[in-house]
N, C-alpha and C. Protein backbone atom coordinates (compact mmCIF):
# COMPACT_ATOMS: atom_id res chain seq x y z
N MET A 1 19.94 24.45 9.88
CA MET A 1 19.93 24.08 8.48
C MET A 1 20.06 22.56 8.37
N GLU A 2 19.48 22.06 7.30
CA GLU A 2 19.54 20.62 7.04
C GLU A 2 19.74 20.42 5.54
N ILE A 3 20.56 19.43 5.20
CA ILE A 3 20.77 19.09 3.79
C ILE A 3 19.94 17.86 3.47
N ILE A 4 19.14 17.94 2.42
CA ILE A 4 18.35 16.80 1.98
C ILE A 4 18.71 16.50 0.53
N TRP A 5 19.17 15.28 0.29
CA TRP A 5 19.49 14.82 -1.06
C TRP A 5 18.24 14.23 -1.68
N SER A 6 17.92 14.63 -2.89
CA SER A 6 16.79 14.02 -3.60
C SER A 6 17.17 12.58 -3.95
N ASP A 7 16.15 11.75 -4.15
CA ASP A 7 16.40 10.37 -4.57
C ASP A 7 17.19 10.35 -5.88
N MET A 8 16.85 11.26 -6.78
CA MET A 8 17.53 11.33 -8.06
C MET A 8 19.01 11.65 -7.87
N ALA A 9 19.32 12.62 -7.02
CA ALA A 9 20.72 13.00 -6.78
C ALA A 9 21.49 11.84 -6.14
N LEU A 10 20.86 11.13 -5.22
CA LEU A 10 21.52 9.97 -4.60
C LEU A 10 21.79 8.88 -5.63
N HIS A 11 20.84 8.66 -6.52
CA HIS A 11 21.02 7.68 -7.59
C HIS A 11 22.16 8.12 -8.51
N GLN A 12 22.20 9.39 -8.84
CA GLN A 12 23.27 9.91 -9.70
C GLN A 12 24.63 9.79 -9.01
N LEU A 13 24.68 10.07 -7.71
CA LEU A 13 25.92 9.93 -6.95
C LEU A 13 26.40 8.48 -6.97
N ASP A 14 25.48 7.54 -6.76
CA ASP A 14 25.84 6.12 -6.83
C ASP A 14 26.43 5.77 -8.19
N GLY A 15 25.82 6.28 -9.26
CA GLY A 15 26.33 6.03 -10.61
C GLY A 15 27.72 6.59 -10.81
N ILE A 16 27.95 7.79 -10.30
CA ILE A 16 29.27 8.42 -10.41
C ILE A 16 30.31 7.58 -9.67
N LEU A 17 29.98 7.17 -8.45
CA LEU A 17 30.93 6.40 -7.65
C LEU A 17 31.20 5.04 -8.27
N ASP A 18 30.18 4.39 -8.82
CA ASP A 18 30.37 3.11 -9.52
C ASP A 18 31.30 3.28 -10.71
N TYR A 19 31.08 4.33 -11.49
CA TYR A 19 31.92 4.59 -12.66
C TYR A 19 33.37 4.83 -12.24
N VAL A 20 33.56 5.67 -11.24
CA VAL A 20 34.91 5.99 -10.78
C VAL A 20 35.60 4.73 -10.26
N GLU A 21 34.88 3.92 -9.49
CA GLU A 21 35.49 2.69 -8.96
C GLU A 21 35.87 1.74 -10.09
N GLU A 22 34.98 1.58 -11.06
CA GLU A 22 35.25 0.67 -12.18
C GLU A 22 36.45 1.12 -13.01
N HIS A 23 36.59 2.41 -13.23
CA HIS A 23 37.64 2.92 -14.10
C HIS A 23 38.92 3.35 -13.39
N PHE A 24 38.81 3.70 -12.11
CA PHE A 24 39.97 4.26 -11.41
C PHE A 24 40.29 3.58 -10.08
N GLY A 25 39.40 2.69 -9.61
CA GLY A 25 39.67 1.95 -8.38
C GLY A 25 38.88 2.46 -7.19
N ALA A 26 38.83 1.59 -6.17
CA ALA A 26 38.03 1.86 -4.97
C ALA A 26 38.55 3.06 -4.19
N SER A 27 39.86 3.22 -4.11
CA SER A 27 40.40 4.34 -3.32
C SER A 27 40.05 5.69 -3.95
N VAL A 28 40.06 5.76 -5.27
CA VAL A 28 39.68 7.01 -5.94
C VAL A 28 38.18 7.26 -5.76
N SER A 29 37.39 6.20 -5.78
CA SER A 29 35.95 6.34 -5.56
C SER A 29 35.67 6.87 -4.15
N ARG A 30 36.39 6.34 -3.16
CA ARG A 30 36.22 6.82 -1.78
C ARG A 30 36.62 8.29 -1.66
N LYS A 31 37.72 8.66 -2.31
CA LYS A 31 38.16 10.06 -2.28
C LYS A 31 37.13 10.96 -2.95
N THR A 32 36.56 10.49 -4.05
CA THR A 32 35.52 11.26 -4.73
C THR A 32 34.34 11.50 -3.79
N LEU A 33 33.90 10.43 -3.11
CA LEU A 33 32.79 10.56 -2.17
C LEU A 33 33.16 11.52 -1.04
N ASP A 34 34.37 11.38 -0.50
CA ASP A 34 34.80 12.28 0.58
C ASP A 34 34.79 13.74 0.13
N ASP A 35 35.28 13.99 -1.08
CA ASP A 35 35.31 15.37 -1.61
C ASP A 35 33.90 15.93 -1.75
N ILE A 36 33.01 15.13 -2.33
CA ILE A 36 31.63 15.59 -2.52
C ILE A 36 30.96 15.81 -1.17
N ASP A 37 31.12 14.84 -0.27
CA ASP A 37 30.50 14.92 1.05
C ASP A 37 31.01 16.15 1.82
N SER A 38 32.30 16.39 1.75
CA SER A 38 32.90 17.52 2.46
C SER A 38 32.40 18.86 1.92
N LYS A 39 32.40 18.99 0.61
CA LYS A 39 32.01 20.28 0.01
C LYS A 39 30.51 20.53 0.15
N VAL A 40 29.71 19.49 0.02
CA VAL A 40 28.27 19.66 0.24
C VAL A 40 28.01 19.95 1.72
N GLY A 41 28.75 19.30 2.60
CA GLY A 41 28.59 19.53 4.04
C GLY A 41 28.88 20.96 4.46
N ARG A 42 29.80 21.61 3.77
CA ARG A 42 30.12 23.02 4.07
C ARG A 42 28.93 23.94 3.83
N LEU A 43 27.97 23.48 3.05
CA LEU A 43 26.78 24.30 2.81
C LEU A 43 26.02 24.57 4.11
N LEU A 44 26.18 23.70 5.10
CA LEU A 44 25.52 23.94 6.38
C LEU A 44 26.02 25.23 7.02
N LEU A 45 27.29 25.53 6.83
CA LEU A 45 27.87 26.76 7.37
C LEU A 45 27.73 27.94 6.41
N PHE A 46 27.83 27.64 5.13
CA PHE A 46 27.81 28.69 4.10
C PHE A 46 26.84 28.30 2.99
N PRO A 47 25.55 28.34 3.26
CA PRO A 47 24.57 27.84 2.28
C PRO A 47 24.56 28.61 0.96
N GLU A 48 24.96 29.86 0.99
CA GLU A 48 24.93 30.65 -0.23
C GLU A 48 26.28 30.67 -0.95
N SER A 49 27.16 29.75 -0.59
CA SER A 49 28.50 29.73 -1.19
C SER A 49 28.51 29.20 -2.61
N GLY A 50 27.49 28.47 -3.00
CA GLY A 50 27.40 28.00 -4.38
C GLY A 50 27.12 29.14 -5.33
N THR A 51 27.55 28.98 -6.55
CA THR A 51 27.35 30.01 -7.57
C THR A 51 25.88 30.08 -7.97
N PRO A 52 25.26 31.26 -7.90
CA PRO A 52 23.88 31.38 -8.37
C PRO A 52 23.80 31.05 -9.86
N ASP A 53 22.81 30.28 -10.22
CA ASP A 53 22.64 29.88 -11.62
C ASP A 53 21.36 30.52 -12.14
N TYR A 54 21.49 31.77 -12.54
CA TYR A 54 20.32 32.55 -12.95
C TYR A 54 19.66 31.99 -14.20
N SER A 55 20.44 31.38 -15.09
CA SER A 55 19.83 30.87 -16.32
C SER A 55 18.86 29.74 -16.01
N TYR A 56 19.23 28.79 -15.16
CA TYR A 56 18.31 27.70 -14.82
C TYR A 56 17.15 28.24 -13.99
N SER A 57 17.43 29.15 -13.08
CA SER A 57 16.36 29.72 -12.25
C SER A 57 15.31 30.41 -13.10
N SER A 58 15.75 31.15 -14.12
CA SER A 58 14.82 31.86 -15.00
C SER A 58 14.05 30.90 -15.88
N LYS A 59 14.75 29.95 -16.49
CA LYS A 59 14.12 29.01 -17.42
C LYS A 59 13.07 28.15 -16.73
N LEU A 60 13.38 27.72 -15.52
CA LEU A 60 12.54 26.71 -14.89
C LEU A 60 11.56 27.25 -13.86
N LEU A 61 11.91 28.32 -13.21
CA LEU A 61 11.12 28.75 -12.06
C LEU A 61 10.69 30.20 -12.12
N ASN A 62 10.86 30.84 -13.26
CA ASN A 62 10.51 32.26 -13.39
C ASN A 62 11.13 33.10 -12.27
N ASP A 63 12.35 32.75 -11.91
CA ASP A 63 13.11 33.47 -10.88
C ASP A 63 12.47 33.40 -9.49
N LYS A 64 11.52 32.49 -9.27
CA LYS A 64 10.90 32.37 -7.95
C LYS A 64 11.83 31.68 -6.96
N VAL A 65 12.64 30.78 -7.45
CA VAL A 65 13.59 30.05 -6.62
C VAL A 65 14.95 30.16 -7.28
N LEU A 66 15.96 30.45 -6.49
CA LEU A 66 17.30 30.57 -7.03
C LEU A 66 18.01 29.22 -6.96
N ILE A 67 18.39 28.71 -8.10
CA ILE A 67 19.17 27.49 -8.16
C ILE A 67 20.64 27.88 -8.09
N ARG A 68 21.39 27.16 -7.28
CA ARG A 68 22.83 27.39 -7.14
C ARG A 68 23.55 26.11 -7.53
N HIS A 69 24.85 26.25 -7.80
CA HIS A 69 25.63 25.05 -8.08
C HIS A 69 27.01 25.13 -7.46
N LEU A 70 27.54 23.95 -7.15
CA LEU A 70 28.90 23.78 -6.65
C LEU A 70 29.65 22.94 -7.67
N ASN A 71 30.83 23.38 -8.05
CA ASN A 71 31.71 22.57 -8.89
C ASN A 71 32.60 21.75 -7.97
N ILE A 72 32.52 20.44 -8.12
CA ILE A 72 33.33 19.54 -7.30
C ILE A 72 34.02 18.58 -8.25
N GLY A 73 35.26 18.87 -8.57
CA GLY A 73 35.98 18.07 -9.56
C GLY A 73 35.25 18.18 -10.88
N PRO A 74 35.04 17.03 -11.54
CA PRO A 74 34.33 17.08 -12.82
C PRO A 74 32.80 17.08 -12.65
N ASN A 75 32.34 17.16 -11.42
CA ASN A 75 30.90 17.08 -11.16
C ASN A 75 30.35 18.43 -10.70
N VAL A 76 29.07 18.62 -10.96
CA VAL A 76 28.39 19.84 -10.55
C VAL A 76 27.17 19.43 -9.73
N VAL A 77 27.07 19.99 -8.54
CA VAL A 77 25.93 19.74 -7.66
C VAL A 77 25.00 20.95 -7.76
N TYR A 78 23.75 20.71 -8.16
CA TYR A 78 22.75 21.77 -8.26
C TYR A 78 21.86 21.69 -7.03
N TYR A 79 21.63 22.84 -6.39
CA TYR A 79 20.82 22.84 -5.18
C TYR A 79 20.04 24.14 -5.06
N ASN A 80 19.08 24.12 -4.16
CA ASN A 80 18.37 25.35 -3.81
C ASN A 80 18.18 25.38 -2.31
N ILE A 81 17.90 26.56 -1.81
CA ILE A 81 17.69 26.76 -0.38
C ILE A 81 16.22 27.10 -0.19
N ASP A 82 15.57 26.32 0.68
CA ASP A 82 14.15 26.53 0.97
C ASP A 82 14.01 26.68 2.48
N GLY A 83 14.07 27.91 2.95
CA GLY A 83 14.03 28.15 4.40
C GLY A 83 15.27 27.59 5.06
N GLU A 84 15.09 26.61 5.91
CA GLU A 84 16.20 25.97 6.62
C GLU A 84 16.66 24.68 5.95
N ILE A 85 16.16 24.42 4.75
CA ILE A 85 16.51 23.18 4.04
C ILE A 85 17.30 23.49 2.79
N ILE A 86 18.40 22.77 2.64
CA ILE A 86 19.21 22.83 1.42
C ILE A 86 18.87 21.57 0.64
N ASN A 87 18.21 21.74 -0.49
CA ASN A 87 17.81 20.61 -1.33
C ASN A 87 18.88 20.34 -2.38
N ILE A 88 19.49 19.17 -2.31
CA ILE A 88 20.42 18.75 -3.36
C ILE A 88 19.54 18.14 -4.44
N MET A 89 19.45 18.85 -5.55
CA MET A 89 18.52 18.49 -6.61
C MET A 89 19.10 17.46 -7.57
N VAL A 90 20.31 17.76 -8.06
CA VAL A 90 20.93 16.99 -9.15
C VAL A 90 22.43 17.03 -8.97
N ILE A 91 23.11 15.96 -9.34
CA ILE A 91 24.56 15.98 -9.48
C ILE A 91 24.88 15.41 -10.86
N ALA A 92 25.67 16.15 -11.62
CA ALA A 92 25.94 15.76 -13.00
C ALA A 92 27.38 16.09 -13.36
N HIS A 93 27.89 15.41 -14.37
CA HIS A 93 29.22 15.71 -14.90
C HIS A 93 29.17 17.08 -15.56
N TYR A 94 30.26 17.83 -15.46
CA TYR A 94 30.25 19.20 -16.01
C TYR A 94 30.04 19.24 -17.51
N ARG A 95 30.29 18.14 -18.20
CA ARG A 95 30.07 18.10 -19.65
C ARG A 95 28.65 17.67 -20.03
N GLN A 96 27.83 17.41 -19.04
CA GLN A 96 26.44 17.03 -19.31
C GLN A 96 25.77 18.16 -20.07
N SER A 97 24.98 17.82 -21.05
CA SER A 97 24.33 18.85 -21.86
C SER A 97 23.36 19.68 -21.02
N THR A 98 23.23 20.93 -21.38
CA THR A 98 22.31 21.83 -20.69
C THR A 98 20.89 21.31 -20.77
N VAL A 99 20.52 20.75 -21.91
CA VAL A 99 19.17 20.21 -22.09
C VAL A 99 18.91 19.10 -21.07
N THR A 100 19.87 18.22 -20.89
CA THR A 100 19.72 17.12 -19.94
C THR A 100 19.63 17.64 -18.51
N VAL A 101 20.47 18.60 -18.16
CA VAL A 101 20.43 19.17 -16.81
C VAL A 101 19.08 19.83 -16.56
N VAL A 102 18.57 20.57 -17.53
CA VAL A 102 17.25 21.21 -17.39
C VAL A 102 16.18 20.14 -17.15
N LYS A 103 16.23 19.05 -17.89
CA LYS A 103 15.25 17.97 -17.70
C LYS A 103 15.33 17.39 -16.30
N MET A 104 16.57 17.18 -15.81
CA MET A 104 16.73 16.61 -14.47
C MET A 104 16.21 17.56 -13.40
N ILE A 105 16.53 18.83 -13.53
CA ILE A 105 16.04 19.81 -12.55
C ILE A 105 14.52 19.92 -12.63
N ASN A 106 13.98 19.86 -13.83
CA ASN A 106 12.52 19.87 -14.00
C ASN A 106 11.88 18.71 -13.27
N ARG A 107 12.48 17.51 -13.38
CA ARG A 107 11.94 16.34 -12.68
C ARG A 107 11.92 16.58 -11.18
N PHE A 108 13.01 17.15 -10.67
CA PHE A 108 13.05 17.46 -9.24
C PHE A 108 11.92 18.42 -8.87
N ILE A 109 11.78 19.49 -9.64
CA ILE A 109 10.77 20.52 -9.35
C ILE A 109 9.37 19.92 -9.40
N GLU A 110 9.08 19.13 -10.43
CA GLU A 110 7.76 18.51 -10.56
C GLU A 110 7.46 17.61 -9.36
N HIS A 111 8.45 16.87 -8.92
CA HIS A 111 8.26 15.95 -7.81
C HIS A 111 8.07 16.69 -6.48
N HIS A 112 8.70 17.84 -6.33
CA HIS A 112 8.69 18.55 -5.05
C HIS A 112 7.71 19.71 -4.96
N THR A 113 6.94 19.94 -6.01
CA THR A 113 5.95 21.02 -5.94
C THR A 113 4.53 20.47 -5.96
N LYS A 114 4.40 19.18 -5.82
CA LYS A 114 3.06 18.57 -5.81
C LYS A 114 2.48 18.60 -4.44
């Protein structure tokens, strides 16, 4: 198995870490990164450990691909499993609107199905 972060998810992670560092300090930002890295890394051993997100899977992919999510502190990591690859699609704050999350996942899907 291999974990691949989308460019969008990496950009979102950078934004989260910048925000945390600015508001809470560098040590909290490092801890946030460690927590995210550790929990995402566990997917290599337990790829199906994330909660299946049937609503996004149905809305966006007609149930062809199952989108899963991990809650990590106030952040949610959305991913899917494609054979031996775990695609980290999006990382967003748990209060992010559903409409915005759908748009972000759509961008990922459009970019990766061409």
